[in-house]
Each structure stands twice: as C-alpha cells, then as structure tokens.
Amino acid sequence: MTDRTFRIMVRGAFEGLTQEQRAELLAAAADHDMLFARFTPEGHLSYDLRARADFTFRYLATGAADEDLLPATAQAEASAMEWLEQRGYGYRNLRSTAEDLSKAALGKRQRRERAAG
C-alpha cells in the first residue's frame, strides 16, 4: 500500500555547456520556468540560465513507510543524472532534499477542514 507522498528536489549546476547546449536550453527555457515548476513522477527540470547556471529537478514519489524515502531519493538523483547525461549536459554539486508530505505541518485552513470533517 502506498499511502505516503514524497517530494524530492535534486539541485545542481550546469557545467561546461557548449554554446549549442546553452542555446538549446535557452530556447526551451519557457518550458522550464521556475514559476511553473511542479513535482511529477517523471521529474520536472526548472532553471533560469540567464540568471545563473543552477537547476532543480522536482520529483514526486510514493511509499508505504519512512524507509521508502531514502530509496526514492536515490532514484530521483539517478533519474536526474540520467536525464542530464542523455542530453550531454555537464553538471556539478548535486544535492537532494526530500519531504514526506504525511509529516508536513498543516496550514490553518487544513486543520480547520480536518476538524470539521
């Protein structure tokens, strides 16, 4: 049973991009704008290459227990590396943060709805 949702962010920086790769990323920038970033099971890349070389991959995973968070994070990192390497993009300084939404603090409205429901 998968009753937990994990949000995982893999952050890093592009490194050693050629002029062609940089132009390719800039041409696709609208599809990767940080304002439209989302967590998906496939992973979603966001960046603002005009401002800096940093990027973020956002992943959505599920699991049944606390122990599932670590393998989900490792899978997110592996998927991010695979995505970058398939396109020939160099990268550095990968680091991940993960959140189990079942343990996230509820907002005021969510607490009120839960109490009423």
PDB file of N, CA and C in Angstrom:
ATOM      1  N   MET A   1       0.847  -1.176   0.000  1.00  0.00           N
ATOM      2  CA  MET A   1       0.000   0.000   0.000  1.00  0.00           C
ATOM      3  C   MET A   1       0.894   1.242   0.000  1.00  0.00           C
ATOM      4  N   THR A   2       0.599   2.182  -0.859  1.00  0.00           N
ATOM      5  CA  THR A   2       1.375   3.420  -0.933  1.00  0.00           C
ATOM      6  C   THR A   2       0.513   4.556  -0.406  1.00  0.00           C
ATOM      7  N   ASP A   3       0.720   4.911   0.837  1.00  0.00           N
ATOM      8  CA  ASP A   3      -0.099   5.958   1.421  1.00  0.00           C
ATOM      9  C   ASP A   3       0.688   7.219   1.752  1.00  0.00           C
ATOM     10  N   ARG A   4       1.941   7.259   1.366  1.00  0.00           N
ATOM     11  CA  ARG A   4       2.762   8.437   1.618  1.00  0.00           C
ATOM     12  C   ARG A   4       3.227   9.030   0.292  1.00  0.00           C
ATOM     13  N   THR A   5       3.280  10.331   0.267  1.00  0.00           N
ATOM     14  CA  THR A   5       3.776  11.039  -0.908  1.00  0.00           C
ATOM     15  C   THR A   5       5.054  11.752  -0.533  1.00  0.00           C
ATOM     16  N   PHE A   6       6.078  11.585  -1.372  1.00  0.00           N
ATOM     17  CA  PHE A   6       7.374  12.220  -1.144  1.00  0.00           C
ATOM     18  C   PHE A   6       7.631  13.241  -2.246  1.00  0.00           C
ATOM     19  N   ARG A   7       8.052  14.422  -1.839  1.00  0.00           N
ATOM     20  CA  ARG A   7       8.503  15.432  -2.795  1.00  0.00           C
ATOM     21  C   ARG A   7      10.018  15.538  -2.654  1.00  0.00           C
ATOM     22  N   ILE A   8      10.702  15.350  -3.765  1.00  0.00           N
ATOM     23  CA  ILE A   8      12.165  15.319  -3.753  1.00  0.00           C
ATOM     24  C   ILE A   8      12.682  16.367  -4.727  1.00  0.00           C
ATOM     25  N   MET A   9      13.622  17.181  -4.249  1.00  0.00           N
ATOM     26  CA  MET A   9      14.266  18.175  -5.107  1.00  0.00           C
ATOM     27  C   MET A   9      15.745  17.830  -5.218  1.00  0.00           C
ATOM     28  N   VAL A  10      16.202  17.673  -6.453  1.00  0.00           N
ATOM     29  CA  VAL A  10      17.613  17.441  -6.743  1.00  0.00           C
ATOM     30  C   VAL A  10      18.129  18.738  -7.351  1.00  0.00           C
ATOM     31  N   ARG A  11      19.065  19.365  -6.651  1.00  0.00           N
ATOM     32  CA  ARG A  11      19.620  20.644  -7.123  1.00  0.00           C
ATOM     33  C   ARG A  11      21.047  20.436  -7.601  1.00  0.00           C
ATOM     34  N   GLY A  12      21.455  21.282  -8.517  1.00  0.00           N
ATOM     35  CA  GLY A  12      22.820  21.234  -9.025  1.00  0.00           C
ATOM     36  C   GLY A  12      23.068  22.431  -9.912  1.00  0.00           C
ATOM     37  N   ALA A  13      24.161  22.364 -10.643  1.00  0.00           N
ATOM     38  CA  ALA A  13      24.512  23.446 -11.562  1.00  0.00           C
ATOM     39  C   ALA A  13      25.018  22.834 -12.863  1.00  0.00           C
ATOM     40  N   PHE A  14      24.644  23.456 -13.968  1.00  0.00           N
ATOM     41  CA  PHE A  14      25.191  23.044 -15.255  1.00  0.00           C
ATOM     42  C   PHE A  14      26.680  23.373 -15.260  1.00  0.00           C
ATOM     43  N   GLU A  15      27.442  22.539 -15.958  1.00  0.00           N
ATOM     44  CA  GLU A  15      28.881  22.782 -16.034  1.00  0.00           C
ATOM     45  C   GLU A  15      29.390  22.425 -17.419  1.00  0.00           C
ATOM     46  N   GLY A  16      30.240  23.285 -17.956  1.00  0.00           N
ATOM     47  CA  GLY A  16      30.897  23.012 -19.232  1.00  0.00           C
ATOM     48  C   GLY A  16      29.969  22.939 -20.423  1.00  0.00           C
ATOM     49  N   LEU A  17      28.896  23.712 -20.404  1.00  0.00           N
ATOM     50  CA  LEU A  17      27.973  23.698 -21.539  1.00  0.00           C
ATOM     51  C   LEU A  17      28.637  24.307 -22.768  1.00  0.00           C
ATOM     52  N   THR A  18      28.401  23.693 -23.913  1.00  0.00           N
ATOM     53  CA  THR A  18      28.853  24.285 -25.172  1.00  0.00           C
ATOM     54  C   THR A  18      27.896  25.418 -25.538  1.00  0.00           C
ATOM     55  N   GLN A  19      28.272  26.209 -26.515  1.00  0.00           N
ATOM     56  CA  GLN A  19      27.389  27.283 -26.986  1.00  0.00           C
ATOM     57  C   GLN A  19      26.077  26.707 -27.517  1.00  0.00           C
ATOM     58  N   GLU A  20      26.163  25.557 -28.194  1.00  0.00           N
ATOM     59  CA  GLU A  20      24.962  24.925 -28.751  1.00  0.00           C
ATOM     60  C   GLU A  20      24.036  24.434 -27.628  1.00  0.00           C
ATOM     61  N   GLN A  21      24.608  23.833 -26.595  1.00  0.00           N
ATOM     62  CA  GLN A  21      23.797  23.354 -25.479  1.00  0.00           C
ATOM     63  C   GLN A  21      23.144  24.524 -24.750  1.00  0.00           C
ATOM     64  N   ARG A  22      23.907  25.560 -24.544  1.00  0.00           N
ATOM     65  CA  ARG A  22      23.369  26.755 -23.872  1.00  0.00           C
ATOM     66  C   ARG A  22      22.214  27.341 -24.699  1.00  0.00           C
ATOM     67  N   ALA A  23      22.399  27.441 -26.008  1.00  0.00           N
ATOM     68  CA  ALA A  23      21.335  27.954 -26.885  1.00  0.00           C
ATOM     69  C   ALA A  23      20.108  27.056 -26.831  1.00  0.00           C
ATOM     70  N   GLU A  24      20.328  25.748 -26.809  1.00  0.00           N
ATOM     71  CA  GLU A  24      19.223  24.781 -26.717  1.00  0.00           C
ATOM     72  C   GLU A  24      18.443  24.975 -25.420  1.00  0.00           C
ATOM     73  N   LEU A  25      19.145  25.106 -24.312  1.00  0.00           N
ATOM     74  CA  LEU A  25      18.483  25.316 -23.020  1.00  0.00           C
ATOM     75  C   LEU A  25      17.745  26.650 -22.983  1.00  0.00           C
ATOM     76  N   LEU A  26      18.344  27.673 -23.527  1.00  0.00           N
ATOM     77  CA  LEU A  26      17.682  28.977 -23.559  1.00  0.00           C
ATOM     78  C   LEU A  26      16.429  28.945 -24.431  1.00  0.00           C
ATOM     79  N   ALA A  27      16.476  28.218 -25.537  1.00  0.00           N
ATOM     80  CA  ALA A  27      15.315  28.108 -26.424  1.00  0.00           C
ATOM     81  C   ALA A  27      14.157  27.377 -25.737  1.00  0.00           C
ATOM     82  N   ALA A  28      14.471  26.452 -24.842  1.00  0.00           N
ATOM     83  CA  ALA A  28      13.446  25.679 -24.133  1.00  0.00           C
ATOM     84  C   ALA A  28      13.124  26.255 -22.762  1.00  0.00           C
ATOM     85  N   ALA A  29      13.647  27.421 -22.453  1.00  0.00           N
ATOM     86  CA  ALA A  29      13.508  27.998 -21.110  1.00  0.00           C
ATOM     87  C   ALA A  29      12.058  28.178 -20.673  1.00  0.00           C
ATOM     88  N   ALA A  30      11.174  28.521 -21.591  1.00  0.00           N
ATOM     89  CA  ALA A  30       9.769  28.728 -21.221  1.00  0.00           C
ATOM     90  C   ALA A  30       9.144  27.455 -20.653  1.00  0.00           C
ATOM     91  N   ASP A  31       9.574  26.291 -21.126  1.00  0.00           N
ATOM     92  CA  ASP A  31       9.057  25.016 -20.626  1.00  0.00           C
ATOM     93  C   ASP A  31       9.650  24.653 -19.268  1.00  0.00           C
ATOM     94  N   HIS A  32      10.681  25.370 -18.860  1.00  0.00           N
ATOM     95  CA  HIS A  32      11.395  25.035 -17.618  1.00  0.00           C
ATOM     96  C   HIS A  32      11.440  26.213 -16.652  1.00  0.00           C
ATOM     97  N   ASP A  33      10.529  27.147 -16.826  1.00  0.00           N
ATOM     98  CA  ASP A  33      10.477  28.334 -15.981  1.00  0.00           C
ATOM     99  C   ASP A  33      10.154  27.942 -14.536  1.00  0.00           C
ATOM    100  N   MET A  34      10.840  28.537 -13.598  1.00  0.00           N
ATOM    101  CA  MET A  34      10.637  28.218 -12.183  1.00  0.00           C
ATOM    102  C   MET A  34       9.237  28.579 -11.692  1.00  0.00           C
ATOM    103  N   LEU A  35       8.585  29.529 -12.351  1.00  0.00           N
ATOM    104  CA  LEU A  35       7.231  29.896 -11.955  1.00  0.00           C
ATOM    105  C   LEU A  35       6.219  28.793 -12.227  1.00  0.00           C
ATOM    106  N   PHE A  36       6.562  27.878 -13.121  1.00  0.00           N
ATOM    107  CA  PHE A  36       5.661  26.786 -13.470  1.00  0.00           C
ATOM    108  C   PHE A  36       6.208  25.427 -13.021  1.00  0.00           C
ATOM    109  N   ALA A  37       7.155  25.446 -12.115  1.00  0.00           N
ATOM    110  CA  ALA A  37       7.761  24.207 -11.623  1.00  0.00           C
ATOM    111  C   ALA A  37       6.722  23.365 -10.903  1.00  0.00           C
ATOM    112  N   ARG A  38       6.855  22.058 -11.066  1.00  0.00           N
ATOM    113  CA  ARG A  38       5.912  21.141 -10.427  1.00  0.00           C
ATOM    114  C   ARG A  38       6.626  19.833 -10.100  1.00  0.00           C
ATOM    115  N   PHE A  39       6.066  19.114  -9.159  1.00  0.00           N
ATOM    116  CA  PHE A  39       6.584  17.794  -8.805  1.00  0.00           C
ATOM    117  C   PHE A  39       5.836  16.762  -9.636  1.00  0.00           C
ATOM    118  N   THR A  40       6.576  15.910 -10.347  1.00  0.00           N
ATOM    119  CA  THR A  40       5.961  14.874 -11.174  1.00  0.00           C
ATOM    120  C   THR A  40       6.709  13.558 -10.977  1.00  0.00           C
ATOM    121  N   PRO A  41       6.064  12.430 -11.259  1.00  0.00           N
ATOM    122  CA  PRO A  41       6.751  11.134 -11.152  1.00  0.00           C
ATOM    123  C   PRO A  41       7.916  11.007 -12.139  1.00  0.00           C
ATOM    124  N   GLU A  42       7.868  11.732 -13.257  1.00  0.00           N
ATOM    125  CA  GLU A  42       8.939  11.675 -14.253  1.00  0.00           C
ATOM    126  C   GLU A  42      10.073  12.645 -13.917  1.00  0.00           C
ATOM    127  N   GLY A  43       9.769  13.631 -13.110  1.00  0.00           N
ATOM    128  CA  GLY A  43      10.727  14.680 -12.782  1.00  0.00           C
ATOM    129  C   GLY A  43      10.514  15.886 -13.672  1.00  0.00           C
ATOM    130  N   HIS A  44      10.649  17.055 -13.116  1.00  0.00           N
ATOM    131  CA  HIS A  44      10.484  18.295 -13.867  1.00  0.00           C
ATOM    132  C   HIS A  44      11.700  19.176 -13.618  1.00  0.00           C
ATOM    133  N   LEU A  45      12.338  19.584 -14.691  1.00  0.00           N
ATOM    134  CA  LEU A  45      13.523  20.430 -14.628  1.00  0.00           C
ATOM    135  C   LEU A  45      13.110  21.892 -14.676  1.00  0.00           C
ATOM    136  N   SER A  46      13.681  22.698 -13.790  1.00  0.00           N
ATOM    137  CA  SER A  46      13.484  24.144 -13.861  1.00  0.00           C
ATOM    138  C   SER A  46      14.834  24.830 -13.712  1.00  0.00           C
ATOM    139  N   TYR A  47      14.963  25.965 -14.415  1.00  0.00           N
ATOM    140  CA  TYR A  47      16.199  26.731 -14.381  1.00  0.00           C
ATOM    141  C   TYR A  47      15.950  28.117 -14.942  1.00  0.00           C
ATOM    142  N   ASP A  48      16.870  29.022 -14.668  1.00  0.00           N
ATOM    143  CA  ASP A  48      16.875  30.346 -15.258  1.00  0.00           C
ATOM    144  C   ASP A  48      18.320  30.609 -15.676  1.00  0.00           C
ATOM    145  N   LEU A  49      18.684  30.069 -16.819  1.00  0.00           N
ATOM    146  CA  LEU A  49      20.069  30.098 -17.284  1.00  0.00           C
ATOM    147  C   LEU A  49      20.573  31.517 -17.534  1.00  0.00           C
ATOM    148  N   ARG A  50      19.666  32.450 -17.789  1.00  0.00           N
ATOM    149  CA  ARG A  50      20.092  33.840 -17.979  1.00  0.00           C
ATOM    150  C   ARG A  50      20.619  34.432 -16.669  1.00  0.00           C
ATOM    151  N   ALA A  51      20.088  33.956 -15.548  1.00  0.00           N
ATOM    152  CA  ALA A  51      20.483  34.483 -14.238  1.00  0.00           C
ATOM    153  C   ALA A  51      21.674  33.721 -13.646  1.00  0.00           C
ATOM    154  N   ARG A  52      21.647  32.372 -13.761  1.00  0.00           N
ATOM    155  CA  ARG A  52      22.725  31.546 -13.188  1.00  0.00           C
ATOM    156  C   ARG A  52      22.630  30.132 -13.737  1.00  0.00           C
ATOM    157  N   ALA A  53      23.645  29.363 -13.491  1.00  0.00           N
ATOM    158  CA  ALA A  53      23.737  28.008 -14.047  1.00  0.00           C
ATOM    159  C   ALA A  53      23.025  26.958 -13.202  1.00  0.00           C
ATOM    160  N   ASP A  54      22.360  27.337 -12.123  1.00  0.00           N
ATOM    161  CA  ASP A  54      21.709  26.374 -11.230  1.00  0.00           C
ATOM    162  C   ASP A  54      20.431  25.809 -11.850  1.00  0.00           C
ATOM    163  N   PHE A  55      20.094  24.589 -11.446  1.00  0.00           N
ATOM    164  CA  PHE A  55      18.856  23.955 -11.869  1.00  0.00           C
ATOM    165  C   PHE A  55      18.279  23.164 -10.713  1.00  0.00           C
ATOM    166  N   THR A  56      17.008  22.814 -10.834  1.00  0.00           N
ATOM    167  CA  THR A  56      16.331  21.963  -9.859  1.00  0.00           C
ATOM    168  C   THR A  56      15.474  20.962 -10.606  1.00  0.00           C
ATOM    169  N   PHE A  57      15.583  19.689 -10.206  1.00  0.00           N
ATOM    170  CA  PHE A  57      14.672  18.646 -10.673  1.00  0.00           C
ATOM    171  C   PHE A  57      13.710  18.386  -9.534  1.00  0.00           C
ATOM    172  N   ARG A  58      12.436  18.384  -9.833  1.00  0.00           N
ATOM    173  CA  ARG A  58      11.424  18.106  -8.815  1.00  0.00           C
ATOM    174  C   ARG A  58      10.768  16.766  -9.144  1.00  0.00           C
ATOM    175  N   TYR A  59      10.764  15.878  -8.163  1.00  0.00           N
ATOM    176  CA  TYR A  59      10.211  14.535  -8.326  1.00  0.00           C
ATOM    177  C   TYR A  59       9.112  14.281  -7.318  1.00  0.00           C
ATOM    178  N   LEU A  60       8.158  13.493  -7.721  1.00  0.00           N
ATOM    179  CA  LEU A  60       7.082  13.052  -6.860  1.00  0.00           C
ATOM    180  C   LEU A  60       7.155  11.530  -6.796  1.00  0.00           C
ATOM    181  N   ALA A  61       7.238  10.999  -5.589  1.00  0.00           N
ATOM    182  CA  ALA A  61       7.321   9.547  -5.409  1.00  0.00           C
ATOM    183  C   ALA A  61       6.357   9.154  -4.302  1.00  0.00           C
ATOM    184  N   THR A  62       6.087   7.865  -4.217  1.00  0.00           N
ATOM    185  CA  THR A  62       5.212   7.364  -3.161  1.00  0.00           C
ATOM    186  C   THR A  62       5.896   6.216  -2.437  1.00  0.00           C
ATOM    187  N   GLY A  63       5.399   5.936  -1.255  1.00  0.00           N
ATOM    188  CA  GLY A  63       5.929   4.830  -0.465  1.00  0.00           C
ATOM    189  C   GLY A  63       4.965   4.471   0.640  1.00  0.00           C
ATOM    190  N   ALA A  64       5.284   3.395   1.321  1.00  0.00           N
ATOM    191  CA  ALA A  64       4.415   2.918   2.386  1.00  0.00           C
ATOM    192  C   ALA A  64       4.965   3.206   3.779  1.00  0.00           C
ATOM    193  N   ALA A  65       6.264   3.488   3.867  1.00  0.00           N
ATOM    194  CA  ALA A  65       6.886   3.656   5.185  1.00  0.00           C
ATOM    195  C   ALA A  65       8.012   4.671   5.119  1.00  0.00           C
ATOM    196  N   ASP A  66       8.475   5.081   6.295  1.00  0.00           N
ATOM    197  CA  ASP A  66       9.597   6.020   6.379  1.00  0.00           C
ATOM    198  C   ASP A  66      10.806   5.515   5.595  1.00  0.00           C
ATOM    199  N   GLU A  67      11.023   4.213   5.632  1.00  0.00           N
ATOM    200  CA  GLU A  67      12.189   3.612   4.992  1.00  0.00           C
ATOM    201  C   GLU A  67      12.181   3.772   3.470  1.00  0.00           C
ATOM    202  N   ASP A  68      11.044   4.087   2.894  1.00  0.00           N
ATOM    203  CA  ASP A  68      10.933   4.243   1.437  1.00  0.00           C
ATOM    204  C   ASP A  68      11.453   5.587   0.937  1.00  0.00           C
ATOM    205  N   LEU A  69      11.663   6.519   1.846  1.00  0.00           N
ATOM    206  CA  LEU A  69      12.113   7.851   1.445  1.00  0.00           C
ATOM    207  C   LEU A  69      13.540   7.838   0.906  1.00  0.00           C
ATOM    208  N   LEU A  70      14.420   7.089   1.536  1.00  0.00           N
ATOM    209  CA  LEU A  70      15.816   7.047   1.090  1.00  0.00           C
ATOM    210  C   LEU A  70      15.957   6.445  -0.308  1.00  0.00           C
ATOM    211  N   PRO A  71      15.348   5.279  -0.606  1.00  0.00           N
ATOM    212  CA  PRO A  71      15.436   4.752  -1.970  1.00  0.00           C
ATOM    213  C   PRO A  71      14.772   5.669  -3.003  1.00  0.00           C
ATOM    214  N   ALA A  72      13.700   6.349  -2.620  1.00  0.00           N
ATOM    215  CA  ALA A  72      13.039   7.275  -3.542  1.00  0.00           C
ATOM    216  C   ALA A  72      13.965   8.447  -3.864  1.00  0.00           C
ATOM    217  N   THR A  73      14.704   8.909  -2.873  1.00  0.00           N
ATOM    218  CA  THR A  73      15.655   9.999  -3.094  1.00  0.00           C
ATOM    219  C   THR A  73      16.792   9.544  -3.993  1.00  0.00           C
ATOM    220  N   ALA A  74      17.296   8.342  -3.763  1.00  0.00           N
ATOM    221  CA  ALA A  74      18.360   7.802  -4.622  1.00  0.00           C
ATOM    222  C   ALA A  74      17.875   7.651  -6.060  1.00  0.00           C
ATOM    223  N   GLN A  75      16.630   7.215  -6.238  1.00  0.00           N
ATOM    224  CA  GLN A  75      16.068   7.077  -7.582  1.00  0.00           C
ATOM    225  C   GLN A  75      15.925   8.436  -8.250  1.00  0.00           C
ATOM    226  N   ALA A  76      15.510   9.441  -7.501  1.00  0.00           N
ATOM    227  CA  ALA A  76      15.379  10.790  -8.059  1.00  0.00           C
ATOM    228  C   ALA A  76      16.739  11.308  -8.524  1.00  0.00           C
ATOM    229  N   GLU A  77      17.769  11.094  -7.727  1.00  0.00           N
ATOM    230  CA  GLU A  77      19.115  11.528  -8.110  1.00  0.00           C
ATOM    231  C   GLU A  77      19.595  10.796  -9.359  1.00  0.00           C
ATOM    232  N   ALA A  78      19.372   9.486  -9.402  1.00  0.00           N
ATOM    233  CA  ALA A  78      19.778   8.694 -10.564  1.00  0.00           C
ATOM    234  C   ALA A  78      19.035   9.148 -11.819  1.00  0.00           C
ATOM    235  N   SER A  79      17.761   9.436 -11.685  1.00  0.00           N
ATOM    236  CA  SER A  79      16.973   9.895 -12.832  1.00  0.00           C
ATOM    237  C   SER A  79      17.452  11.259 -13.317  1.00  0.00           C
ATOM    238  N   ALA A  80      17.783  12.145 -12.396  1.00  0.00           N
ATOM    239  CA  ALA A  80      18.292  13.466 -12.781  1.00  0.00           C
ATOM    240  C   ALA A  80      19.611  13.320 -13.532  1.00  0.00           C
ATOM    241  N   MET A  81      20.516  12.490 -13.012  1.00  0.00           N
ATOM    242  CA  MET A  81      21.803  12.287 -13.687  1.00  0.00           C
ATOM    243  C   MET A  81      21.603  11.679 -15.067  1.00  0.00           C
ATOM    244  N   GLU A  82      20.704  10.703 -15.165  1.00  0.00           N
ATOM    245  CA  GLU A  82      20.438  10.065 -16.454  1.00  0.00           C
ATOM    246  C   GLU A  82      19.883  11.077 -17.454  1.00  0.00           C
ATOM    247  N   TRP A  83      18.948  11.913 -17.017  1.00  0.00           N
ATOM    248  CA  TRP A  83      18.360  12.919 -17.900  1.00  0.00           C
ATOM    249  C   TRP A  83      19.440  13.848 -18.432  1.00  0.00           C
ATOM    250  N   LEU A  84      20.292  14.340 -17.546  1.00  0.00           N
ATOM    251  CA  LEU A  84      21.359  15.260 -17.948  1.00  0.00           C
ATOM    252  C   LEU A  84      22.372  14.580 -18.870  1.00  0.00           C
ATOM    253  N   GLU A  85      22.784  13.377 -18.524  1.00  0.00           N
ATOM    254  CA  GLU A  85      23.796  12.664 -19.304  1.00  0.00           C
ATOM    255  C   GLU A  85      23.288  12.273 -20.684  1.00  0.00           C
ATOM    256  N   GLN A  86      22.009  11.917 -20.795  1.00  0.00           N
ATOM    257  CA  GLN A  86      21.446  11.575 -22.102  1.00  0.00           C
ATOM    258  C   GLN A  86      21.513  12.753 -23.067  1.00  0.00           C
ATOM    259  N   ARG A  87      21.467  13.949 -22.534  1.00  0.00           N
ATOM    260  CA  ARG A  87      21.500  15.146 -23.363  1.00  0.00           C
ATOM    261  C   ARG A  87      22.900  15.742 -23.459  1.00  0.00           C
ATOM    262  N   GLY A  88      23.850  15.107 -22.784  1.00  0.00           N
ATOM    263  CA  GLY A  88      25.232  15.564 -22.830  1.00  0.00           C
ATOM    264  C   GLY A  88      25.518  16.795 -21.997  1.00  0.00           C
ATOM    265  N   TYR A  89      24.632  17.127 -21.056  1.00  0.00           N
ATOM    266  CA  TYR A  89      24.819  18.299 -20.207  1.00  0.00           C
ATOM    267  C   TYR A  89      25.722  17.947 -19.029  1.00  0.00           C
ATOM    268  N   GLY A  90      26.779  18.711 -18.856  1.00  0.00           N
ATOM    269  CA  GLY A  90      27.623  18.544 -17.694  1.00  0.00           C
ATOM    270  C   GLY A  90      26.943  19.140 -16.473  1.00  0.00           C
ATOM    271  N   TYR A  91      27.263  18.612 -15.299  1.00  0.00           N
ATOM    272  CA  TYR A  91      26.652  19.107 -14.067  1.00  0.00           C
ATOM    273  C   TYR A  91      27.635  18.934 -12.912  1.00  0.00           C
ATOM    274  N   ARG A  92      27.342  19.646 -11.829  1.00  0.00           N
ATOM    275  CA  ARG A  92      28.165  19.540 -10.627  1.00  0.00           C
ATOM    276  C   ARG A  92      27.307  19.845  -9.405  1.00  0.00           C
ATOM    277  N   ASN A  93      27.849  19.473  -8.263  1.00  0.00           N
ATOM    278  CA  ASN A  93      27.254  19.800  -6.964  1.00  0.00           C
ATOM    279  C   ASN A  93      25.814  19.322  -6.796  1.00  0.00           C
ATOM    280  N   LEU A  94      25.522  18.074  -7.188  1.00  0.00           N
ATOM    281  CA  LEU A  94      24.174  17.554  -6.972  1.00  0.00           C
ATOM    282  C   LEU A  94      23.948  17.345  -5.477  1.00  0.00           C
ATOM    283  N   ARG A  95      22.791  17.764  -5.025  1.00  0.00           N
ATOM    284  CA  ARG A  95      22.381  17.558  -3.647  1.00  0.00           C
ATOM    285  C   ARG A  95      20.859  17.449  -3.627  1.00  0.00           C
ATOM    286  N   SER A  96      20.344  16.715  -2.679  1.00  0.00           N
ATOM    287  CA  SER A  96      18.912  16.446  -2.655  1.00  0.00           C
ATOM    288  C   SER A  96      18.299  16.789  -1.308  1.00  0.00           C
ATOM    289  N   THR A  97      17.045  17.183  -1.376  1.00  0.00           N
ATOM    290  CA  THR A  97      16.229  17.326  -0.176  1.00  0.00           C
ATOM    291  C   THR A  97      14.921  16.601  -0.455  1.00  0.00           C
ATOM    292  N   ALA A  98      14.389  15.965   0.565  1.00  0.00           N
ATOM    293  CA  ALA A  98      13.159  15.199   0.397  1.00  0.00           C
ATOM    294  C   ALA A  98      12.208  15.510   1.543  1.00  0.00           C
ATOM    295  N   GLU A  99      10.933  15.476   1.225  1.00  0.00           N
ATOM    296  CA  GLU A  99       9.909  15.767   2.210  1.00  0.00           C
ATOM    297  C   GLU A  99       8.817  14.706   2.121  1.00  0.00           C
ATOM    298  N   ASP A 100       8.457  14.158   3.258  1.00  0.00           N
ATOM    299  CA  ASP A 100       7.341  13.231   3.364  1.00  0.00           C
ATOM    300  C   ASP A 100       6.114  14.071   3.689  1.00  0.00           C
ATOM    301  N   LEU A 101       5.196  14.184   2.744  1.00  0.00           N
ATOM    302  CA  LEU A 101       4.048  15.062   2.940  1.00  0.00           C
ATOM    303  C   LEU A 101       3.121  14.602   4.052  1.00  0.00           C
ATOM    304  N   SER A 102       3.191  13.323   4.426  1.00  0.00           N
ATOM    305  CA  SER A 102       2.354  12.859   5.529  1.00  0.00           C
ATOM    306  C   SER A 102       2.812  13.453   6.856  1.00  0.00           C
ATOM    307  N   LYS A 103       4.029  13.993   6.876  1.00  0.00           N
ATOM    308  CA  LYS A 103       4.570  14.593   8.099  1.00  0.00           C
ATOM    309  C   LYS A 103       4.649  16.112   8.022  1.00  0.00           C
ATOM    310  N   ALA A 104       4.181  16.674   6.920  1.00  0.00           N
ATOM    311  CA  ALA A 104       4.226  18.127   6.754  1.00  0.00           C
ATOM    312  C   ALA A 104       3.209  18.785   7.673  1.00  0.00           C
ATOM    313  N   ALA A 105       3.567  19.937   8.165  1.00  0.00           N
ATOM    314  CA  ALA A 105       2.654  20.685   9.026  1.00  0.00           C
ATOM    315  C   ALA A 105       1.436  21.134   8.231  1.00  0.00           C
ATOM    316  N   LEU A 106       0.288  21.063   8.854  1.00  0.00           N
ATOM    317  CA  LEU A 106      -0.942  21.506   8.210  1.00  0.00           C
ATOM    318  C   LEU A 106      -1.111  23.001   8.387  1.00  0.00           C
ATOM    319  N   GLY A 107      -1.634  23.651   7.360  1.00  0.00           N
ATOM    320  CA  GLY A 107      -1.954  25.065   7.450  1.00  0.00           C
ATOM    321  C   GLY A 107      -3.231  25.257   8.249  1.00  0.00           C
ATOM    322  N   LYS A 108      -3.539  26.493   8.582  1.00  0.00           N
ATOM    323  CA  LYS A 108      -4.717  26.806   9.390  1.00  0.00           C
ATOM    324  C   LYS A 108      -5.994  26.282   8.741  1.00  0.00           C
ATOM    325  N   ARG A 109      -6.153  26.506   7.428  1.00  0.00           N
ATOM    326  CA  ARG A 109      -7.348  26.035   6.727  1.00  0.00           C
ATOM    327  C   ARG A 109      -7.430  24.513   6.735  1.00  0.00           C
ATOM    328  N   GLN A 110      -6.294  23.836   6.529  1.00  0.00           N
ATOM    329  CA  GLN A 110      -6.289  22.369   6.527  1.00  0.00           C
ATOM    330  C   GLN A 110      -6.654  21.812   7.896  1.00  0.00           C
ATOM    331  N   ARG A 111      -6.166  22.430   8.961  1.00  0.00           N
ATOM    332  CA  ARG A 111      -6.520  21.985  10.331  1.00  0.00           C
ATOM    333  C   ARG A 111      -8.013  22.162  10.570  1.00  0.00           C
ATOM    334  N   ARG A 112      -8.548  23.303  10.120  1.00  0.00           N
ATOM    335  CA  ARG A 112      -9.976  23.579  10.295  1.00  0.00           C
ATOM    336  C   ARG A 112     -10.813  22.560   9.510  1.00  0.00           C
ATOM    337  N   GLU A 113     -10.418  22.250   8.262  1.00  0.00           N
ATOM    338  CA  GLU A 113     -11.160  21.290   7.459  1.00  0.00           C
ATOM    339  C   GLU A 113     -11.088  19.889   8.066  1.00  0.00           C
ATOM    340  N   ARG A 114      -9.931  19.525   8.585  1.00  0.00           N
ATOM    341  CA  ARG A 114      -9.764  18.204   9.193  1.00  0.00           C
ATOM    342  C   ARG A 114     -10.627  18.082  10.442  1.00  0.00           C
ATOM    343  N   ALA A 115     -10.708  19.142  11.240  1.00  0.00           N
ATOM    344  CA  ALA A 115     -11.527  19.128  12.454  1.00  0.00           C
ATOM    345  C   ALA A 115     -13.013  19.043  12.120  1.00  0.00           C
ATOM    346  N   ALA A 116     -13.412  19.695  11.032  1.00  0.00           N
ATOM    347  CA  ALA A 116     -14.820  19.691  10.632  1.00  0.00           C
ATOM    348  C   ALA A 116     -15.226  18.392   9.963  1.00  0.00           C
ATOM    349  N   GLY A 117     -14.256  17.727   9.317  1.00  0.00           N
ATOM    350  CA  GLY A 117     -14.541  16.544   8.506  1.00  0.00           C
ATOM    351  C   GLY A 117     -14.623  15.324   9.276  1.00  0.00           C
TER     352      GLY A 117
END
